Amino acid sequence: MDPQDRIRIVKLRELIRDVPDFPKPGVVFKDITPLLGHPAGLSLAVEYLTQPFRSTRVDLVAGAESRGFIFGTAVARNLSAGFVPIRKPGRLPHDTHSEEYALEYGVDRVEIHRDAIHPGDRVLMVDDVLATGGTMAACCRLVKALGGEIVGIAFLIELAFLNGRSQLYDYPIHSILRYESENAAPDT
């Protein structure tokens, strides 16, 4: 990474706000809303999510509800690809396929339209944060079940100390800001 990119990534990091004890005591939440409200920061984040895939054929970008929609649609536009929303149950109006995944205390489910992806479509997965990997792993299973080929997964933030990569098989993973511990500054 060239020195200018390092400086830009440090500036992106400054737009991420730590919120202690949210959504529960002991958790330090990485709030991206300051970055979303900063035009240059948002543009730079989308560009860094896009860059590694510019020379890859991408037919569709899939994003998980809800912040994956924000970054995924912008990355899809940059790659001249379509966008596929992956939603929580009951929010898609047509025939769906669903996948369950484990939460800390229970299970959740994500859904995709059955006709959103066709066999052989090359799909880039995009979300804001990689934490434990459960949501993204379920999203990947949805895409694979419909015959899509996952060409990569891109995240703005990776909470490496939660080991979410281990849930994502051998897919190429790109993250812009990587946090090695909950309270540490990110590696760039």
C-alpha atoms as a PDB file:
ATOM      1  CA  MET A   1       0.000   0.000   0.000  1.00  0.00           C
ATOM      2  CA  ASP A   2       1.402   3.363  -0.932  1.00  0.00           C
ATOM      3  CA  PRO A   3       1.856   6.111   1.705  1.00  0.00           C
ATOM      4  CA  GLN A   4      -1.069   8.162   0.354  1.00  0.00           C
ATOM      5  CA  ASP A   5      -3.413   5.185   0.761  1.00  0.00           C
ATOM      6  CA  ARG A   6      -2.210   4.706   4.345  1.00  0.00           C
ATOM      7  CA  ILE A   7      -2.999   8.356   5.109  1.00  0.00           C
ATOM      8  CA  ARG A   8      -6.444   8.031   3.544  1.00  0.00           C
ATOM      9  CA  ILE A   9      -7.211   4.883   5.540  1.00  0.00           C
ATOM     10  CA  VAL A  10      -6.164   6.623   8.764  1.00  0.00           C
ATOM     11  CA  LYS A  11      -8.657   9.359   7.874  1.00  0.00           C
ATOM     12  CA  LEU A  12     -11.359   6.717   7.306  1.00  0.00           C
ATOM     13  CA  ARG A  13     -10.577   5.213  10.716  1.00  0.00           C
ATOM     14  CA  GLU A  14     -11.129   8.640  12.281  1.00  0.00           C
ATOM     15  CA  LEU A  15     -14.690   8.602  10.888  1.00  0.00           C
ATOM     16  CA  ILE A  16     -15.585   5.420  12.794  1.00  0.00           C
ATOM     17  CA  ARG A  17     -17.014   6.179  16.238  1.00  0.00           C
ATOM     18  CA  ASP A  18     -16.622   3.733  19.135  1.00  0.00           C
ATOM     19  CA  VAL A  19     -19.794   3.468  21.230  1.00  0.00           C
ATOM     20  CA  PRO A  20     -19.115   1.615  24.499  1.00  0.00           C
ATOM     21  CA  ASP A  21     -21.723  -0.745  25.963  1.00  0.00           C
ATOM     22  CA  PHE A  22     -23.894  -0.903  22.834  1.00  0.00           C
ATOM     23  CA  PRO A  23     -25.989  -2.920  22.162  1.00  0.00           C
ATOM     24  CA  LYS A  24     -25.147  -4.496  25.532  1.00  0.00           C
ATOM     25  CA  PRO A  25     -22.638  -3.942  28.359  1.00  0.00           C
ATOM     26  CA  GLY A  26     -19.069  -4.837  27.482  1.00  0.00           C
ATOM     27  CA  VAL A  27     -19.462  -4.427  23.711  1.00  0.00           C
ATOM     28  CA  VAL A  28     -17.703  -1.590  21.878  1.00  0.00           C
ATOM     29  CA  PHE A  29     -19.863  -0.871  18.819  1.00  0.00           C
ATOM     30  CA  LYS A  30     -18.163   0.466  15.677  1.00  0.00           C
ATOM     31  CA  ASP A  31     -20.557   3.199  14.504  1.00  0.00           C
ATOM     32  CA  ILE A  32     -20.164   3.995  10.798  1.00  0.00           C
ATOM     33  CA  THR A  33     -22.748   6.799  10.667  1.00  0.00           C
ATOM     34  CA  PRO A  34     -20.119   9.583  10.884  1.00  0.00           C
ATOM     35  CA  LEU A  35     -18.413   8.037   7.833  1.00  0.00           C
ATOM     36  CA  LEU A  36     -21.734   7.810   5.980  1.00  0.00           C
ATOM     37  CA  GLY A  37     -22.356  11.510   6.625  1.00  0.00           C
ATOM     38  CA  HIS A  38     -18.915  12.554   5.341  1.00  0.00           C
ATOM     39  CA  PRO A  39     -19.033  12.822   1.519  1.00  0.00           C
ATOM     40  CA  ALA A  40     -15.310  12.292   0.924  1.00  0.00           C
ATOM     41  CA  GLY A  41     -15.102   9.511   3.503  1.00  0.00           C
ATOM     42  CA  LEU A  42     -18.074   7.657   2.054  1.00  0.00           C
ATOM     43  CA  SER A  43     -16.700   7.985  -1.465  1.00  0.00           C
ATOM     44  CA  LEU A  44     -13.277   6.758  -0.389  1.00  0.00           C
ATOM     45  CA  ALA A  45     -14.715   3.789   1.518  1.00  0.00           C
ATOM     46  CA  VAL A  46     -16.743   2.711  -1.513  1.00  0.00           C
ATOM     47  CA  GLU A  47     -13.707   3.077  -3.769  1.00  0.00           C
ATOM     48  CA  TYR A  48     -11.534   0.957  -1.458  1.00  0.00           C
ATOM     49  CA  LEU A  49     -14.263  -1.708  -1.323  1.00  0.00           C
ATOM     50  CA  THR A  50     -14.395  -1.696  -5.131  1.00  0.00           C
ATOM     51  CA  GLN A  51     -10.690  -1.568  -6.061  1.00  0.00           C
ATOM     52  CA  PRO A  52      -9.689  -5.223  -5.544  1.00  0.00           C
ATOM     53  CA  PHE A  53     -12.510  -6.385  -7.834  1.00  0.00           C
ATOM     54  CA  ARG A  54     -12.158  -3.967 -10.763  1.00  0.00           C
ATOM     55  CA  SER A  55     -10.309  -6.549 -12.875  1.00  0.00           C
ATOM     56  CA  THR A  56     -12.672  -9.379 -11.876  1.00  0.00           C
ATOM     57  CA  ARG A  57     -15.869 -10.134 -13.767  1.00  0.00           C
ATOM     58  CA  VAL A  58     -18.677  -9.402 -11.327  1.00  0.00           C
ATOM     59  CA  ASP A  59     -22.257  -9.887 -12.526  1.00  0.00           C
ATOM     60  CA  LEU A  60     -23.990  -9.107  -9.242  1.00  0.00           C
ATOM     61  CA  VAL A  61     -23.180  -7.612  -5.872  1.00  0.00           C
ATOM     62  CA  ALA A  62     -25.138  -9.021  -2.924  1.00  0.00           C
ATOM     63  CA  GLY A  63     -25.549  -7.063   0.292  1.00  0.00           C
ATOM     64  CA  ALA A  64     -27.023  -8.072   3.614  1.00  0.00           C
ATOM     65  CA  GLU A  65     -29.670  -5.956   5.299  1.00  0.00           C
ATOM     66  CA  SER A  66     -29.217  -3.202   6.109  1.00  0.00           C
ATOM     67  CA  ARG A  67     -25.802  -1.583   5.913  1.00  0.00           C
ATOM     68  CA  GLY A  68     -24.744  -4.018   3.201  1.00  0.00           C
ATOM     69  CA  PHE A  69     -27.328  -2.253   1.039  1.00  0.00           C
ATOM     70  CA  ILE A  70     -25.564   1.081   1.486  1.00  0.00           C
ATOM     71  CA  PHE A  71     -22.140  -0.129   0.410  1.00  0.00           C
ATOM     72  CA  GLY A  72     -23.279  -2.909  -1.916  1.00  0.00           C
ATOM     73  CA  THR A  73     -25.331  -0.723  -4.239  1.00  0.00           C
ATOM     74  CA  ALA A  74     -22.493   1.785  -4.556  1.00  0.00           C
ATOM     75  CA  VAL A  75     -19.946  -0.962  -5.274  1.00  0.00           C
ATOM     76  CA  ALA A  76     -22.339  -2.512  -7.816  1.00  0.00           C
ATOM     77  CA  ARG A  77     -22.595   0.847  -9.578  1.00  0.00           C
ATOM     78  CA  ASN A  78     -18.799   1.160  -9.657  1.00  0.00           C
ATOM     79  CA  LEU A  79     -18.484  -2.322 -11.184  1.00  0.00           C
ATOM     80  CA  SER A  80     -21.407  -1.920 -13.634  1.00  0.00           C
ATOM     81  CA  ALA A  81     -23.046  -4.888 -11.913  1.00  0.00           C
ATOM     82  CA  GLY A  82     -26.545  -5.526 -10.615  1.00  0.00           C
ATOM     83  CA  PHE A  83     -27.438  -5.543  -6.929  1.00  0.00           C
ATOM     84  CA  VAL A  84     -29.206  -8.288  -4.950  1.00  0.00           C
ATOM     85  CA  PRO A  85     -30.631  -7.536  -1.493  1.00  0.00           C
ATOM     86  CA  ILE A  86     -30.468 -10.236   1.167  1.00  0.00           C
ATOM     87  CA  ARG A  87     -33.131  -9.479   3.748  1.00  0.00           C
ATOM     88  CA  LYS A  88     -34.560 -10.500   7.072  1.00  0.00           C
ATOM     89  CA  PRO A  89     -37.604 -12.810   6.921  1.00  0.00           C
ATOM     90  CA  GLY A  90     -40.861 -11.498   5.519  1.00  0.00           C
ATOM     91  CA  ARG A  91     -39.469  -8.436   3.747  1.00  0.00           C
ATOM     92  CA  LEU A  92     -39.168  -9.736   0.194  1.00  0.00           C
ATOM     93  CA  PRO A  93     -42.431  -9.837  -1.775  1.00  0.00           C
ATOM     94  CA  HIS A  94     -41.795 -12.790  -4.109  1.00  0.00           C
ATOM     95  CA  ASP A  95     -40.735 -16.468  -3.740  1.00  0.00           C
ATOM     96  CA  THR A  96     -37.725 -16.724  -1.442  1.00  0.00           C
ATOM     97  CA  HIS A  97     -35.032 -19.127  -0.349  1.00  0.00           C
ATOM     98  CA  SER A  98     -33.857 -18.804   3.260  1.00  0.00           C
ATOM     99  CA  GLU A  99     -30.967 -19.817   5.508  1.00  0.00           C
ATOM    100  CA  GLU A 100     -30.753 -19.940   9.283  1.00  0.00           C
ATOM    101  CA  TYR A 101     -27.671 -18.990  11.238  1.00  0.00           C
ATOM    102  CA  ALA A 102     -26.687 -19.047  14.889  1.00  0.00           C
ATOM    103  CA  LEU A 103     -26.702 -15.991  17.106  1.00  0.00           C
ATOM    104  CA  GLU A 104     -25.209 -15.714  20.570  1.00  0.00           C
ATOM    105  CA  TYR A 105     -28.613 -16.570  22.071  1.00  0.00           C
ATOM    106  CA  GLY A 106     -30.715 -18.272  19.402  1.00  0.00           C
ATOM    107  CA  VAL A 107     -31.005 -18.286  15.639  1.00  0.00           C
ATOM    108  CA  ASP A 108     -31.881 -15.834  12.896  1.00  0.00           C
ATOM    109  CA  ARG A 109     -32.690 -16.162   9.218  1.00  0.00           C
ATOM    110  CA  VAL A 110     -31.922 -14.345   5.960  1.00  0.00           C
ATOM    111  CA  GLU A 111     -33.780 -14.577   2.659  1.00  0.00           C
ATOM    112  CA  ILE A 112     -33.185 -13.944  -1.025  1.00  0.00           C
ATOM    113  CA  HIS A 113     -35.541 -13.984  -4.004  1.00  0.00           C
ATOM    114  CA  ARG A 114     -35.290 -17.372  -5.736  1.00  0.00           C
ATOM    115  CA  ASP A 115     -34.897 -15.672  -9.122  1.00  0.00           C
ATOM    116  CA  ALA A 116     -32.285 -13.096  -8.014  1.00  0.00           C
ATOM    117  CA  ILE A 117     -29.276 -15.222  -8.968  1.00  0.00           C
ATOM    118  CA  HIS A 118     -28.910 -17.684 -11.814  1.00  0.00           C
ATOM    119  CA  PRO A 119     -26.476 -20.586 -12.139  1.00  0.00           C
ATOM    120  CA  GLY A 120     -23.054 -19.262 -13.119  1.00  0.00           C
ATOM    121  CA  ASP A 121     -23.644 -15.661 -11.992  1.00  0.00           C
ATOM    122  CA  ARG A 122     -20.449 -14.262 -10.484  1.00  0.00           C
ATOM    123  CA  VAL A 123     -21.319 -12.594  -7.191  1.00  0.00           C
ATOM    124  CA  LEU A 124     -19.379 -10.230  -4.930  1.00  0.00           C
ATOM    125  CA  MET A 125     -20.647 -10.187  -1.343  1.00  0.00           C
ATOM    126  CA  VAL A 126     -20.492  -6.832   0.508  1.00  0.00           C
ATOM    127  CA  ASP A 127     -21.246  -5.792   4.089  1.00  0.00           C
ATOM    128  CA  ASP A 128     -20.082  -3.168   6.548  1.00  0.00           C
ATOM    129  CA  VAL A 129     -18.652  -5.371   9.334  1.00  0.00           C
ATOM    130  CA  LEU A 130     -17.247  -8.869   9.617  1.00  0.00           C
ATOM    131  CA  ALA A 131     -17.720  -9.938  13.235  1.00  0.00           C
ATOM    132  CA  THR A 132     -18.379 -13.628  13.973  1.00  0.00           C
ATOM    133  CA  GLY A 133     -19.152 -14.382  10.319  1.00  0.00           C
ATOM    134  CA  GLY A 134     -22.520 -16.061  10.859  1.00  0.00           C
ATOM    135  CA  THR A 135     -24.608 -13.629   8.835  1.00  0.00           C
ATOM    136  CA  MET A 136     -22.217 -13.544   5.887  1.00  0.00           C
ATOM    137  CA  ALA A 137     -21.805 -17.333   5.925  1.00  0.00           C
ATOM    138  CA  ALA A 138     -25.603 -17.682   5.672  1.00  0.00           C
ATOM    139  CA  CYS A 139     -25.663 -15.133   2.845  1.00  0.00           C
ATOM    140  CA  CYS A 140     -22.985 -17.099   0.989  1.00  0.00           C
ATOM    141  CA  ARG A 141     -24.978 -20.313   1.403  1.00  0.00           C
ATOM    142  CA  LEU A 142     -27.995 -18.562  -0.134  1.00  0.00           C
ATOM    143  CA  VAL A 143     -26.003 -17.477  -3.180  1.00  0.00           C
ATOM    144  CA  LYS A 144     -24.450 -20.932  -3.609  1.00  0.00           C
ATOM    145  CA  ALA A 145     -27.869 -22.641  -3.274  1.00  0.00           C
ATOM    146  CA  LEU A 146     -29.089 -20.610  -6.261  1.00  0.00           C
ATOM    147  CA  GLY A 147     -26.037 -21.552  -8.338  1.00  0.00           C
ATOM    148  CA  GLY A 148     -24.053 -18.344  -7.927  1.00  0.00           C
ATOM    149  CA  GLU A 149     -20.265 -18.310  -7.870  1.00  0.00           C
ATOM    150  CA  ILE A 150     -18.828 -16.148  -5.091  1.00  0.00           C
ATOM    151  CA  VAL A 151     -15.830 -14.222  -6.421  1.00  0.00           C
ATOM    152  CA  GLY A 152     -15.050 -12.431  -3.163  1.00  0.00           C
ATOM    153  CA  ILE A 153     -16.322 -10.830   0.021  1.00  0.00           C
ATOM    154  CA  ALA A 154     -15.658  -7.188   0.928  1.00  0.00           C
ATOM    155  CA  PHE A 155     -16.067  -5.491   4.314  1.00  0.00           C
ATOM    156  CA  LEU A 156     -15.428  -1.954   5.498  1.00  0.00           C
ATOM    157  CA  ILE A 157     -14.468  -3.237   8.974  1.00  0.00           C
ATOM    158  CA  GLU A 158     -13.192  -6.597  10.169  1.00  0.00           C
ATOM    159  CA  LEU A 159     -13.224  -7.414  13.881  1.00  0.00           C
ATOM    160  CA  ALA A 160     -10.414  -9.961  13.541  1.00  0.00           C
ATOM    161  CA  PHE A 161     -10.450 -10.868  17.245  1.00  0.00           C
ATOM    162  CA  LEU A 162     -13.863 -12.530  16.689  1.00  0.00           C
ATOM    163  CA  ASN A 163     -12.381 -14.856  14.018  1.00  0.00           C
ATOM    164  CA  GLY A 164     -15.241 -14.431  11.534  1.00  0.00           C
ATOM    165  CA  ARG A 165     -13.013 -15.413   8.612  1.00  0.00           C
ATOM    166  CA  SER A 166     -13.121 -18.990   9.840  1.00  0.00           C
ATOM    167  CA  GLN A 167     -16.833 -19.142   8.933  1.00  0.00           C
ATOM    168  CA  LEU A 168     -16.270 -17.984   5.347  1.00  0.00           C
ATOM    169  CA  TYR A 169     -14.582 -21.038   3.861  1.00  0.00           C
ATOM    170  CA  ASP A 170     -11.820 -20.162   1.411  1.00  0.00           C
ATOM    171  CA  TYR A 171     -13.485 -17.186  -0.260  1.00  0.00           C
ATOM    172  CA  PRO A 172     -11.216 -14.223  -1.002  1.00  0.00           C
ATOM    173  CA  ILE A 173     -11.872 -11.662   1.740  1.00  0.00           C
ATOM    174  CA  HIS A 174     -11.033  -7.968   1.532  1.00  0.00           C
ATOM    175  CA  SER A 175     -11.438  -5.638   4.510  1.00  0.00           C
ATOM    176  CA  ILE A 176     -10.383  -2.009   4.682  1.00  0.00           C
ATOM    177  CA  LEU A 177     -10.084  -1.539   8.454  1.00  0.00           C
ATOM    178  CA  ARG A 178      -9.031  -4.545  10.542  1.00  0.00           C
ATOM    179  CA  TYR A 179      -9.277  -4.436  14.346  1.00  0.00           C
ATOM    180  CA  GLU A 180      -7.090  -7.017  16.131  1.00  0.00           C
ATOM    181  CA  SER A 181      -8.669  -6.385  19.554  1.00  0.00           C
ATOM    182  CA  GLU A 182     -11.868  -4.736  20.732  1.00  0.00           C
ATOM    183  CA  ASN A 183     -10.254  -1.552  21.999  1.00  0.00           C
ATOM    184  CA  ALA A 184      -7.286  -1.292  19.650  1.00  0.00           C
ATOM    185  CA  ALA A 185      -6.819   0.978  16.687  1.00  0.00           C
ATOM    186  CA  PRO A 186      -7.322  -0.846  13.411  1.00  0.00           C
ATOM    187  CA  ASP A 187      -4.508  -2.237  11.314  1.00  0.00           C
ATOM    188  CA  THR A 188      -4.536  -0.790   7.814  1.00  0.00           C
END
